[in-house]
Amino acid sequence: RAVADVQCRGQDAGQSQVRAGMAWVYTAYAQGHPRLAPLQRQARAQRLGLWSQPRPVAPWVYRHRYATAR
């Protein structure tokens, strides 16, 4: 799986998304990005973005739960 660092106007796009609660940190691929987990904890504590939902579902859980046979 390809993982990239994306910059937009001098900002780290991944960090911005996680900080706003618009992205979920997948720890298996976040080993080289130690700042993401604390940003996610902060967004979760502040109930931002997806963390405002009563029971947010991780993307990998959602895909597994709703996978269709091909």
Protein backbone atom coordinates (compact mmCIF):
# COMPACT_ATOMS: atom_id res chain seq x y z
CA ARG A 1 0.00 0.00 0.00
CA ALA A 2 1.36 3.40 -0.92
CA VAL A 3 1.56 5.99 1.84
CA ALA A 4 2.36 9.59 1.01
CA ASP A 5 3.00 12.84 2.82
CA VAL A 6 0.88 15.54 1.20
CA GLN A 7 1.55 19.22 1.69
CA CYS A 8 -0.94 21.92 0.76
CA ARG A 9 0.07 25.57 1.19
CA GLY A 10 2.74 24.57 3.67
CA GLN A 11 0.38 22.45 5.77
CA ASP A 12 0.52 18.67 6.26
CA ALA A 13 -2.82 17.52 4.81
CA GLY A 14 -2.96 14.35 6.92
CA GLN A 15 -2.36 16.22 10.16
CA SER A 16 -4.96 18.83 9.20
CA GLN A 17 -7.57 16.16 8.50
CA VAL A 18 -6.89 14.25 11.72
CA ARG A 19 -6.84 17.47 13.79
CA ALA A 20 -10.29 18.39 12.41
CA GLY A 21 -11.69 14.91 13.06
CA MET A 22 -12.04 14.23 9.34
CA ALA A 23 -9.68 11.26 9.18
CA TRP A 24 -9.11 8.17 11.28
CA VAL A 25 -5.52 7.18 12.10
CA TYR A 26 -4.72 3.62 11.03
CA THR A 27 -1.89 2.87 13.42
CA ALA A 28 -0.39 0.09 11.30
CA TYR A 29 0.53 2.68 8.65
CA ALA A 30 1.19 5.59 11.01
CA GLN A 31 4.46 4.36 12.54
CA GLY A 32 6.44 7.09 10.78
CA HIS A 33 3.94 9.77 11.80
CA PRO A 34 4.07 10.05 15.62
CA ARG A 35 2.13 13.33 15.66
CA LEU A 36 -1.06 11.78 14.30
CA ALA A 37 -2.15 9.74 17.35
CA PRO A 38 -2.06 12.73 19.75
CA LEU A 39 -3.97 14.84 17.21
CA GLN A 40 -6.61 12.11 16.97
CA ARG A 41 -6.90 11.90 20.77
CA GLN A 42 -7.37 15.67 20.92
CA ALA A 43 -10.02 15.68 18.16
CA ARG A 44 -11.80 12.80 19.86
CA ALA A 45 -11.77 14.56 23.25
CA GLN A 46 -13.20 17.69 21.61
CA ARG A 47 -15.79 15.61 19.70
CA LEU A 48 -14.77 17.09 16.34
CA GLY A 49 -15.82 15.75 12.95
CA LEU A 50 -16.44 12.02 12.92
CA TRP A 51 -15.89 11.98 16.69
CA SER A 52 -19.13 13.95 17.13
CA GLN A 53 -21.02 10.77 16.20
CA PRO A 54 -22.27 8.61 19.08
CA ARG A 55 -20.53 5.46 17.79
CA PRO A 56 -18.18 6.20 14.89
CA VAL A 57 -17.19 3.14 12.85
CA ALA A 58 -13.61 2.77 11.64
CA PRO A 59 -13.36 2.59 7.84
CA TRP A 60 -11.76 -0.88 7.93
CA VAL A 61 -14.59 -2.16 10.16
CA TYR A 62 -17.19 -0.64 7.85
CA ARG A 63 -15.61 -2.22 4.76
CA HIS A 64 -15.47 -5.62 6.46
CA ARG A 65 -19.03 -5.35 7.76
CA TYR A 66 -20.52 -4.33 4.41
CA ALA A 67 -18.27 -6.28 2.05
CA THR A 68 -20.10 -7.88 -0.84
CA ALA A 69 -19.08 -11.08 -2.54
CA ARG A 70 -17.66 -10.47 -5.99
